[in-house]
Amino acid sequence: MYNNTLKENAMHKNRVDILGTEFDNFTEKQFHKYLDYDLDTKANKFIVTANPEIVLSARKDSKFLKIINNADYVIPDGIGIIKGAKSLGTPLHERITGFDTLKYLIETADRKQLKVYLLGAKPEVIRATADKIKKDYPQVDLVGYHDGYFKDDAPIVDEIAEKKPNVILVALGYPKQEYFIEKYRQKADAIWIGVGGSFDVFSGTKKRAPKVFQKLSLEWFYRLITEPTRFGRMLAIPKYMKLIKQEKNRK
């Protein structure tokens, strides 16, 4: 079993370039198999969940782009990434959301009785997230959590190094979470993942889009109508699609 998974894991570097950001091209089922193997072997892995906004940010920040492309997994978190890949003639298998990956990691940690550490979000959100894990996933060993409001990294990093979690969920928002993971990932052999605002939804502080929006890949539209303040951020989508069109015309 592990030999086959190891071979597949070594081969998953078949990446698709979308405006400079390189995405792994596998199904969610394959990805979960890799994660299971990584957890069982206590591998040190870094997952980036990239959407069009992150792709645009990385185009303007070469250091951020390098961090992303050097990550162990870069997954397409956004229908815009899937449409962009198809338009460029290099289709990706499917969208794999950061939120669903977070849920899978917590569910797997519960099943395998693994250690989890949470970092980021507002104090009330991180507490609600911790409470939900303790209540709904009792086999998870939640070894620590800290909100995203801190000036000194050292106490948090020291705690992570001491507790040796298997899964570290970092909700500091991009690019801060990716810079943090890149800087400190060697402190613990764990699966490190930047999860943005996923704690808000996971904890129930905010509602995820209804299933009909999810199936139609319109979660972004639901967030826009329920959070109008996101309008400025949503302007990244047409800008991204314009760049995709320009890139397609150059090919």
C-alpha atoms as a PDB file:
ATOM      1  CA  MET A   1       0.000   0.000   0.000  1.00  0.00           C
ATOM      2  CA  TYR A   2       2.665   2.498   1.069  1.00  0.00           C
ATOM      3  CA  ASN A   3       4.977   1.633  -1.829  1.00  0.00           C
ATOM      4  CA  ASN A   4       2.266   2.496  -4.340  1.00  0.00           C
ATOM      5  CA  THR A   5       1.353   5.677  -2.483  1.00  0.00           C
ATOM      6  CA  LEU A   6       5.003   6.693  -2.326  1.00  0.00           C
ATOM      7  CA  LYS A   7       5.368   6.237  -6.084  1.00  0.00           C
ATOM      8  CA  GLU A   8       2.207   8.227  -6.746  1.00  0.00           C
ATOM      9  CA  ASN A   9       3.300  10.945  -4.330  1.00  0.00           C
ATOM     10  CA  ALA A  10       6.611  11.300  -6.118  1.00  0.00           C
ATOM     11  CA  MET A  11       4.764  11.599  -9.427  1.00  0.00           C
ATOM     12  CA  HIS A  12       2.254  14.220  -8.311  1.00  0.00           C
ATOM     13  CA  LYS A  13       4.643  17.025  -9.291  1.00  0.00           C
ATOM     14  CA  ASN A  14       2.854  17.093 -12.642  1.00  0.00           C
ATOM     15  CA  ARG A  15       1.959  20.753 -12.184  1.00  0.00           C
ATOM     16  CA  VAL A  16      -0.062  23.207 -14.245  1.00  0.00           C
ATOM     17  CA  ASP A  17       1.200  26.785 -14.567  1.00  0.00           C
ATOM     18  CA  ILE A  18      -1.488  29.448 -14.151  1.00  0.00           C
ATOM     19  CA  LEU A  19       0.022  32.925 -14.566  1.00  0.00           C
ATOM     20  CA  GLY A  20       3.194  31.797 -12.800  1.00  0.00           C
ATOM     21  CA  THR A  21       1.619  29.829  -9.952  1.00  0.00           C
ATOM     22  CA  GLU A  22       2.092  26.070 -10.324  1.00  0.00           C
ATOM     23  CA  PHE A  23      -0.882  23.908  -9.308  1.00  0.00           C
ATOM     24  CA  ASP A  24      -0.857  20.200  -8.559  1.00  0.00           C
ATOM     25  CA  ASN A  25      -3.061  18.293 -10.975  1.00  0.00           C
ATOM     26  CA  PHE A  26      -4.760  15.488  -9.077  1.00  0.00           C
ATOM     27  CA  THR A  27      -8.216  14.538  -7.879  1.00  0.00           C
ATOM     28  CA  GLU A  28      -9.366  15.224  -4.340  1.00  0.00           C
ATOM     29  CA  LYS A  29      -9.429  11.469  -3.722  1.00  0.00           C
ATOM     30  CA  GLN A  30      -5.772  11.166  -4.751  1.00  0.00           C
ATOM     31  CA  PHE A  31      -4.886  14.170  -2.601  1.00  0.00           C
ATOM     32  CA  HIS A  32      -6.508  12.581   0.437  1.00  0.00           C
ATOM     33  CA  LYS A  33      -4.493   9.424  -0.158  1.00  0.00           C
ATOM     34  CA  TYR A  34      -1.290  11.484  -0.156  1.00  0.00           C
ATOM     35  CA  LEU A  35      -2.322  13.220   3.066  1.00  0.00           C
ATOM     36  CA  ASP A  36      -3.076   9.898   4.755  1.00  0.00           C
ATOM     37  CA  TYR A  37       0.376   8.653   3.810  1.00  0.00           C
ATOM     38  CA  ASP A  38       2.035  11.878   4.975  1.00  0.00           C
ATOM     39  CA  LEU A  39       0.287  11.681   8.344  1.00  0.00           C
ATOM     40  CA  ASP A  40       1.121   8.012   8.831  1.00  0.00           C
ATOM     41  CA  THR A  41       4.801   8.638   8.050  1.00  0.00           C
ATOM     42  CA  LYS A  42       4.992  11.920  10.038  1.00  0.00           C
ATOM     43  CA  ALA A  43       6.122  13.807   6.957  1.00  0.00           C
ATOM     44  CA  ASN A  44       6.756  17.554   6.941  1.00  0.00           C
ATOM     45  CA  LYS A  45       4.443  19.015   4.290  1.00  0.00           C
ATOM     46  CA  PHE A  46       3.297  22.510   3.337  1.00  0.00           C
ATOM     47  CA  ILE A  47      -0.067  23.002   1.597  1.00  0.00           C
ATOM     48  CA  VAL A  48      -1.013  26.214  -0.211  1.00  0.00           C
ATOM     49  CA  THR A  49      -4.653  26.750  -1.169  1.00  0.00           C
ATOM     50  CA  ALA A  50      -4.526  29.262  -4.010  1.00  0.00           C
ATOM     51  CA  ASN A  51      -7.383  31.209  -5.599  1.00  0.00           C
ATOM     52  CA  PRO A  52      -7.269  33.937  -8.304  1.00  0.00           C
ATOM     53  CA  GLU A  53      -6.606  36.636  -5.700  1.00  0.00           C
ATOM     54  CA  ILE A  54      -3.540  34.786  -4.435  1.00  0.00           C
ATOM     55  CA  VAL A  55      -2.311  34.169  -7.989  1.00  0.00           C
ATOM     56  CA  LEU A  56      -2.488  37.906  -8.705  1.00  0.00           C
ATOM     57  CA  SER A  57      -0.722  38.730  -5.443  1.00  0.00           C
ATOM     58  CA  ALA A  58       2.067  36.274  -6.249  1.00  0.00           C
ATOM     59  CA  ARG A  59       2.573  37.889  -9.679  1.00  0.00           C
ATOM     60  CA  LYS A  60       3.501  41.119  -7.889  1.00  0.00           C
ATOM     61  CA  ASP A  61       5.600  39.524  -5.143  1.00  0.00           C
ATOM     62  CA  SER A  62       8.383  37.272  -6.413  1.00  0.00           C
ATOM     63  CA  LYS A  63       9.246  36.068  -2.905  1.00  0.00           C
ATOM     64  CA  PHE A  64       5.639  35.051  -2.274  1.00  0.00           C
ATOM     65  CA  LEU A  65       5.523  33.278  -5.645  1.00  0.00           C
ATOM     66  CA  LYS A  66       8.674  31.341  -4.800  1.00  0.00           C
ATOM     67  CA  ILE A  67       7.216  30.268  -1.440  1.00  0.00           C
ATOM     68  CA  ILE A  68       4.042  29.038  -3.152  1.00  0.00           C
ATOM     69  CA  ASN A  69       5.800  27.134  -5.910  1.00  0.00           C
ATOM     70  CA  ASN A  70       8.191  25.526  -3.413  1.00  0.00           C
ATOM     71  CA  ALA A  71       5.292  24.226  -1.300  1.00  0.00           C
ATOM     72  CA  ASP A  72       4.663  20.487  -1.304  1.00  0.00           C
ATOM     73  CA  TYR A  73       1.067  20.888  -2.462  1.00  0.00           C
ATOM     74  CA  VAL A  74      -0.605  23.775  -4.283  1.00  0.00           C
ATOM     75  CA  ILE A  75      -4.320  23.113  -4.661  1.00  0.00           C
ATOM     76  CA  PRO A  76      -6.849  24.985  -6.851  1.00  0.00           C
ATOM     77  CA  ASP A  77      -9.186  26.692  -4.383  1.00  0.00           C
ATOM     78  CA  GLY A  78     -11.528  28.564  -6.685  1.00  0.00           C
ATOM     79  CA  ILE A  79     -13.580  27.980  -9.809  1.00  0.00           C
ATOM     80  CA  GLY A  80     -11.577  30.753 -11.483  1.00  0.00           C
ATOM     81  CA  ILE A  81      -8.471  28.581 -11.308  1.00  0.00           C
ATOM     82  CA  ILE A  82     -10.296  25.665 -12.932  1.00  0.00           C
ATOM     83  CA  LYS A  83     -11.723  27.878 -15.690  1.00  0.00           C
ATOM     84  CA  GLY A  84      -8.369  29.549 -16.245  1.00  0.00           C
ATOM     85  CA  ALA A  85      -6.571  26.225 -16.596  1.00  0.00           C
ATOM     86  CA  LYS A  86      -9.153  24.979 -19.090  1.00  0.00           C
ATOM     87  CA  SER A  87      -8.966  28.196 -21.098  1.00  0.00           C
ATOM     88  CA  LEU A  88      -5.182  27.849 -21.344  1.00  0.00           C
ATOM     89  CA  GLY A  89      -5.506  24.282 -22.619  1.00  0.00           C
ATOM     90  CA  THR A  90      -4.056  22.717 -19.473  1.00  0.00           C
ATOM     91  CA  PRO A  91      -7.133  21.547 -17.547  1.00  0.00           C
ATOM     92  CA  LEU A  92      -6.976  20.611 -13.873  1.00  0.00           C
ATOM     93  CA  HIS A  93      -8.901  17.576 -12.600  1.00  0.00           C
ATOM     94  CA  GLU A  94     -11.114  19.426 -10.133  1.00  0.00           C
ATOM     95  CA  ARG A  95     -11.419  22.194  -7.595  1.00  0.00           C
ATOM     96  CA  ILE A  96     -10.137  21.287  -4.115  1.00  0.00           C
ATOM     97  CA  THR A  97     -11.146  23.841  -1.508  1.00  0.00           C
ATOM     98  CA  GLY A  98      -9.134  24.867   1.500  1.00  0.00           C
ATOM     99  CA  PHE A  99     -12.199  24.505   3.705  1.00  0.00           C
ATOM    100  CA  ASP A 100     -12.842  20.920   2.607  1.00  0.00           C
ATOM    101  CA  THR A 101      -9.156  20.122   3.107  1.00  0.00           C
ATOM    102  CA  LEU A 102      -9.285  21.575   6.630  1.00  0.00           C
ATOM    103  CA  LYS A 103     -12.303  19.394   7.398  1.00  0.00           C
ATOM    104  CA  TYR A 104     -10.615  16.299   5.999  1.00  0.00           C
ATOM    105  CA  LEU A 105      -7.489  16.891   8.087  1.00  0.00           C
ATOM    106  CA  ILE A 106      -9.521  17.315  11.284  1.00  0.00           C
ATOM    107  CA  GLU A 107     -11.660  14.257  10.498  1.00  0.00           C
ATOM    108  CA  THR A 108      -8.515  12.231   9.798  1.00  0.00           C
ATOM    109  CA  ALA A 109      -6.861  13.476  12.983  1.00  0.00           C
ATOM    110  CA  ASP A 110      -9.962  12.307  14.852  1.00  0.00           C
ATOM    111  CA  ARG A 111      -9.869   8.912  13.165  1.00  0.00           C
ATOM    112  CA  LYS A 112      -6.135   8.448  13.763  1.00  0.00           C
ATOM    113  CA  GLN A 113      -6.055  10.165  17.192  1.00  0.00           C
ATOM    114  CA  LEU A 114      -3.514  12.758  16.080  1.00  0.00           C
ATOM    115  CA  LYS A 115      -2.322  16.051  17.550  1.00  0.00           C
ATOM    116  CA  VAL A 116      -3.612  19.348  16.106  1.00  0.00           C
ATOM    117  CA  TYR A 117      -2.547  22.967  16.664  1.00  0.00           C
ATOM    118  CA  LEU A 118      -4.623  26.005  15.637  1.00  0.00           C
ATOM    119  CA  LEU A 119      -3.242  29.462  14.912  1.00  0.00           C
ATOM    120  CA  GLY A 120      -4.968  32.640  13.757  1.00  0.00           C
ATOM    121  CA  ALA A 121      -8.355  34.360  13.500  1.00  0.00           C
ATOM    122  CA  LYS A 122     -10.034  36.526  16.141  1.00  0.00           C
ATOM    123  CA  PRO A 123      -9.942  35.379  19.790  1.00  0.00           C
ATOM    124  CA  GLU A 124     -13.641  34.479  19.848  1.00  0.00           C
ATOM    125  CA  VAL A 125     -13.358  32.599  16.542  1.00  0.00           C
ATOM    126  CA  ILE A 126     -10.352  30.513  17.554  1.00  0.00           C
ATOM    127  CA  ARG A 127     -12.049  29.629  20.858  1.00  0.00           C
ATOM    128  CA  ALA A 128     -15.219  28.602  19.016  1.00  0.00           C
ATOM    129  CA  THR A 129     -13.135  26.503  16.617  1.00  0.00           C
ATOM    130  CA  ALA A 130     -11.352  24.785  19.507  1.00  0.00           C
ATOM    131  CA  ASP A 131     -14.671  24.145  21.279  1.00  0.00           C
ATOM    132  CA  LYS A 132     -16.175  22.595  18.143  1.00  0.00           C
ATOM    133  CA  ILE A 133     -13.209  20.266  17.694  1.00  0.00           C
ATOM    134  CA  LYS A 134     -13.377  19.172  21.342  1.00  0.00           C
ATOM    135  CA  LYS A 135     -17.118  18.544  21.066  1.00  0.00           C
ATOM    136  CA  ASP A 136     -17.452  17.004  17.594  1.00  0.00           C
ATOM    137  CA  TYR A 137     -14.023  15.361  17.193  1.00  0.00           C
ATOM    138  CA  PRO A 138     -13.237  13.960  20.666  1.00  0.00           C
ATOM    139  CA  GLN A 139     -10.354  11.765  19.478  1.00  0.00           C
ATOM    140  CA  VAL A 140      -8.387  14.791  18.247  1.00  0.00           C
ATOM    141  CA  ASP A 141      -5.598  15.733  20.635  1.00  0.00           C
ATOM    142  CA  LEU A 142      -5.860  19.533  20.469  1.00  0.00           C
ATOM    143  CA  VAL A 143      -2.448  20.432  21.865  1.00  0.00           C
ATOM    144  CA  GLY A 144      -2.802  24.201  21.626  1.00  0.00           C
ATOM    145  CA  TYR A 145      -4.290  27.215  19.913  1.00  0.00           C
ATOM    146  CA  HIS A 146      -3.618  30.936  19.662  1.00  0.00           C
ATOM    147  CA  ASP A 147      -5.454  33.777  17.961  1.00  0.00           C
ATOM    148  CA  GLY A 148      -3.893  35.825  15.185  1.00  0.00           C
ATOM    149  CA  TYR A 149      -3.198  38.868  17.335  1.00  0.00           C
ATOM    150  CA  PHE A 150       0.393  38.534  18.487  1.00  0.00           C
ATOM    151  CA  LYS A 151       3.568  40.590  18.133  1.00  0.00           C
ATOM    152  CA  ASP A 152       6.142  37.987  19.077  1.00  0.00           C
ATOM    153  CA  ASP A 153       6.337  34.723  17.139  1.00  0.00           C
ATOM    154  CA  ALA A 154       8.716  33.071  19.596  1.00  0.00           C
ATOM    155  CA  PRO A 155       6.293  31.803  22.293  1.00  0.00           C
ATOM    156  CA  ILE A 156       3.989  30.314  19.655  1.00  0.00           C
ATOM    157  CA  VAL A 157       6.821  28.706  17.720  1.00  0.00           C
ATOM    158  CA  ASP A 158       8.316  27.333  20.946  1.00  0.00           C
ATOM    159  CA  GLU A 159       4.951  25.816  21.895  1.00  0.00           C
ATOM    160  CA  ILE A 160       4.612  24.194  18.477  1.00  0.00           C
ATOM    161  CA  ALA A 161       8.136  22.761  18.734  1.00  0.00           C
ATOM    162  CA  GLU A 162       7.394  21.419  22.222  1.00  0.00           C
ATOM    163  CA  LYS A 163       3.950  19.940  21.489  1.00  0.00           C
ATOM    164  CA  LYS A 164       4.952  18.372  18.135  1.00  0.00           C
ATOM    165  CA  PRO A 165       1.498  18.460  16.484  1.00  0.00           C
ATOM    166  CA  ASN A 166       0.767  16.335  13.425  1.00  0.00           C
ATOM    167  CA  VAL A 167      -1.460  18.978  11.822  1.00  0.00           C
ATOM    168  CA  ILE A 168      -0.985  22.752  12.053  1.00  0.00           C
ATOM    169  CA  LEU A 169      -3.798  24.958  10.724  1.00  0.00           C
ATOM    170  CA  VAL A 170      -2.714  28.573  10.195  1.00  0.00           C
ATOM    171  CA  ALA A 171      -5.430  31.198   9.688  1.00  0.00           C
ATOM    172  CA  LEU A 172      -3.471  34.431   9.357  1.00  0.00           C
ATOM    173  CA  GLY A 173      -4.642  35.327   5.851  1.00  0.00           C
ATOM    174  CA  TYR A 174      -2.381  35.398   2.813  1.00  0.00           C
ATOM    175  CA  PRO A 175       0.484  36.083   2.391  1.00  0.00           C
ATOM    176  CA  LYS A 176       1.221  36.278   6.127  1.00  0.00           C
ATOM    177  CA  GLN A 177       0.267  32.648   6.776  1.00  0.00           C
ATOM    178  CA  GLU A 178       2.450  31.348   3.945  1.00  0.00           C
ATOM    179  CA  TYR A 179       5.427  33.433   5.090  1.00  0.00           C
ATOM    180  CA  PHE A 180       4.927  32.152   8.646  1.00  0.00           C
ATOM    181  CA  ILE A 181       4.780  28.518   7.552  1.00  0.00           C
ATOM    182  CA  GLU A 182       7.803  28.839   5.280  1.00  0.00           C
ATOM    183  CA  LYS A 183       9.820  30.409   8.114  1.00  0.00           C
ATOM    184  CA  TYR A 184       8.900  27.956  10.859  1.00  0.00           C
ATOM    185  CA  ARG A 185       7.847  24.676   9.244  1.00  0.00           C
ATOM    186  CA  GLN A 186      11.054  22.907  10.291  1.00  0.00           C
ATOM    187  CA  LYS A 187      10.047  23.342  13.946  1.00  0.00           C
ATOM    188  CA  ALA A 188       7.628  20.410  13.654  1.00  0.00           C
ATOM    189  CA  ASP A 189       7.230  17.510  11.241  1.00  0.00           C
ATOM    190  CA  ALA A 190       3.584  18.137  10.492  1.00  0.00           C
ATOM    191  CA  ILE A 191       1.179  18.983   7.734  1.00  0.00           C
ATOM    192  CA  TRP A 192       1.144  22.780   7.687  1.00  0.00           C
ATOM    193  CA  ILE A 193      -1.649  24.547   5.815  1.00  0.00           C
ATOM    194  CA  GLY A 194      -2.769  28.159   5.475  1.00  0.00           C
ATOM    195  CA  VAL A 195      -6.553  28.198   5.809  1.00  0.00           C
ATOM    196  CA  GLY A 196      -7.420  31.898   5.553  1.00  0.00           C
ATOM    197  CA  GLY A 197     -10.871  32.590   6.954  1.00  0.00           C
ATOM    198  CA  SER A 198     -11.939  28.945   7.206  1.00  0.00           C
ATOM    199  CA  PHE A 199     -12.134  28.968  11.009  1.00  0.00           C
ATOM    200  CA  ASP A 200     -15.019  31.453  10.766  1.00  0.00           C
ATOM    201  CA  VAL A 201     -17.056  28.986   8.727  1.00  0.00           C
ATOM    202  CA  PHE A 202     -15.888  25.840  10.519  1.00  0.00           C
ATOM    203  CA  SER A 203     -16.792  27.269  13.927  1.00  0.00           C
ATOM    204  CA  GLY A 204     -20.194  28.441  12.721  1.00  0.00           C
ATOM    205  CA  THR A 205     -19.305  32.111  13.222  1.00  0.00           C
ATOM    206  CA  LYS A 206     -20.105  32.560   9.530  1.00  0.00           C
ATOM    207  CA  LYS A 207     -22.258  30.341   7.352  1.00  0.00           C
ATOM    208  CA  ARG A 208     -20.855  28.509   4.364  1.00  0.00           C
ATOM    209  CA  ALA A 209     -22.706  28.980   1.109  1.00  0.00           C
ATOM    210  CA  PRO A 210     -25.731  26.655   0.711  1.00  0.00           C
ATOM    211  CA  LYS A 211     -25.164  23.420  -1.227  1.00  0.00           C
ATOM    212  CA  VAL A 212     -26.780  24.806  -4.375  1.00  0.00           C
ATOM    213  CA  PHE A 213     -24.175  27.601  -4.506  1.00  0.00           C
ATOM    214  CA  GLN A 214     -21.391  25.086  -3.859  1.00  0.00           C
ATOM    215  CA  LYS A 215     -22.547  22.767  -6.659  1.00  0.00           C
ATOM    216  CA  LEU A 216     -22.768  25.665  -9.110  1.00  0.00           C
ATOM    217  CA  SER A 217     -19.317  26.913  -8.019  1.00  0.00           C
ATOM    218  CA  LEU A 218     -20.903  30.176  -6.890  1.00  0.00           C
ATOM    219  CA  GLU A 219     -19.642  30.321  -3.325  1.00  0.00           C
ATOM    220  CA  TRP A 220     -17.833  33.558  -4.219  1.00  0.00           C
ATOM    221  CA  PHE A 221     -21.172  35.115  -5.260  1.00  0.00           C
ATOM    222  CA  TYR A 222     -22.827  34.031  -2.015  1.00  0.00           C
ATOM    223  CA  ARG A 223     -20.002  35.611  -0.019  1.00  0.00           C
ATOM    224  CA  LEU A 224     -20.379  38.805  -2.032  1.00  0.00           C
ATOM    225  CA  ILE A 225     -24.107  39.181  -1.390  1.00  0.00           C
ATOM    226  CA  THR A 226     -23.767  38.297   2.301  1.00  0.00           C
ATOM    227  CA  GLU A 227     -20.570  40.326   2.816  1.00  0.00           C
ATOM    228  CA  PRO A 228     -20.735  43.410   0.529  1.00  0.00           C
ATOM    229  CA  THR A 229     -17.458  44.668   2.003  1.00  0.00           C
ATOM    230  CA  ARG A 230     -15.730  41.940  -0.043  1.00  0.00           C
ATOM    231  CA  PHE A 231     -16.592  43.746  -3.280  1.00  0.00           C
ATOM    232  CA  GLY A 232     -13.128  45.291  -3.576  1.00  0.00           C
ATOM    233  CA  ARG A 233     -11.489  41.882  -3.236  1.00  0.00           C
ATOM    234  CA  MET A 234     -13.867  40.391  -5.799  1.00  0.00           C
ATOM    235  CA  LEU A 235     -12.529  42.823  -8.405  1.00  0.00           C
ATOM    236  CA  ALA A 236      -9.532  40.496  -8.598  1.00  0.00           C
ATOM    237  CA  ILE A 237     -11.628  37.951 -10.515  1.00  0.00           C
ATOM    238  CA  PRO A 238     -12.250  40.000 -13.713  1.00  0.00           C
ATOM    239  CA  LYS A 239      -8.637  41.211 -13.621  1.00  0.00           C
ATOM    240  CA  TYR A 240      -7.473  37.614 -13.350  1.00  0.00           C
ATOM    241  CA  MET A 241      -9.692  36.467 -16.235  1.00  0.00           C
ATOM    242  CA  LYS A 242      -8.395  39.333 -18.386  1.00  0.00           C
ATOM    243  CA  LEU A 243      -4.830  38.153 -17.783  1.00  0.00           C
ATOM    244  CA  ILE A 244      -5.865  34.582 -18.603  1.00  0.00           C
ATOM    245  CA  LYS A 245      -7.294  35.798 -21.912  1.00  0.00           C
ATOM    246  CA  GLN A 246      -4.091  37.692 -22.693  1.00  0.00           C
ATOM    247  CA  GLU A 247      -2.001  34.629 -21.852  1.00  0.00           C
ATOM    248  CA  LYS A 248      -4.213  32.451 -24.059  1.00  0.00           C
ATOM    249  CA  ASN A 249      -3.786  34.852 -26.986  1.00  0.00           C
ATOM    250  CA  ARG A 250      -0.010  34.676 -26.597  1.00  0.00           C
ATOM    251  CA  LYS A 251      -0.010  30.887 -26.925  1.00  0.00           C
END
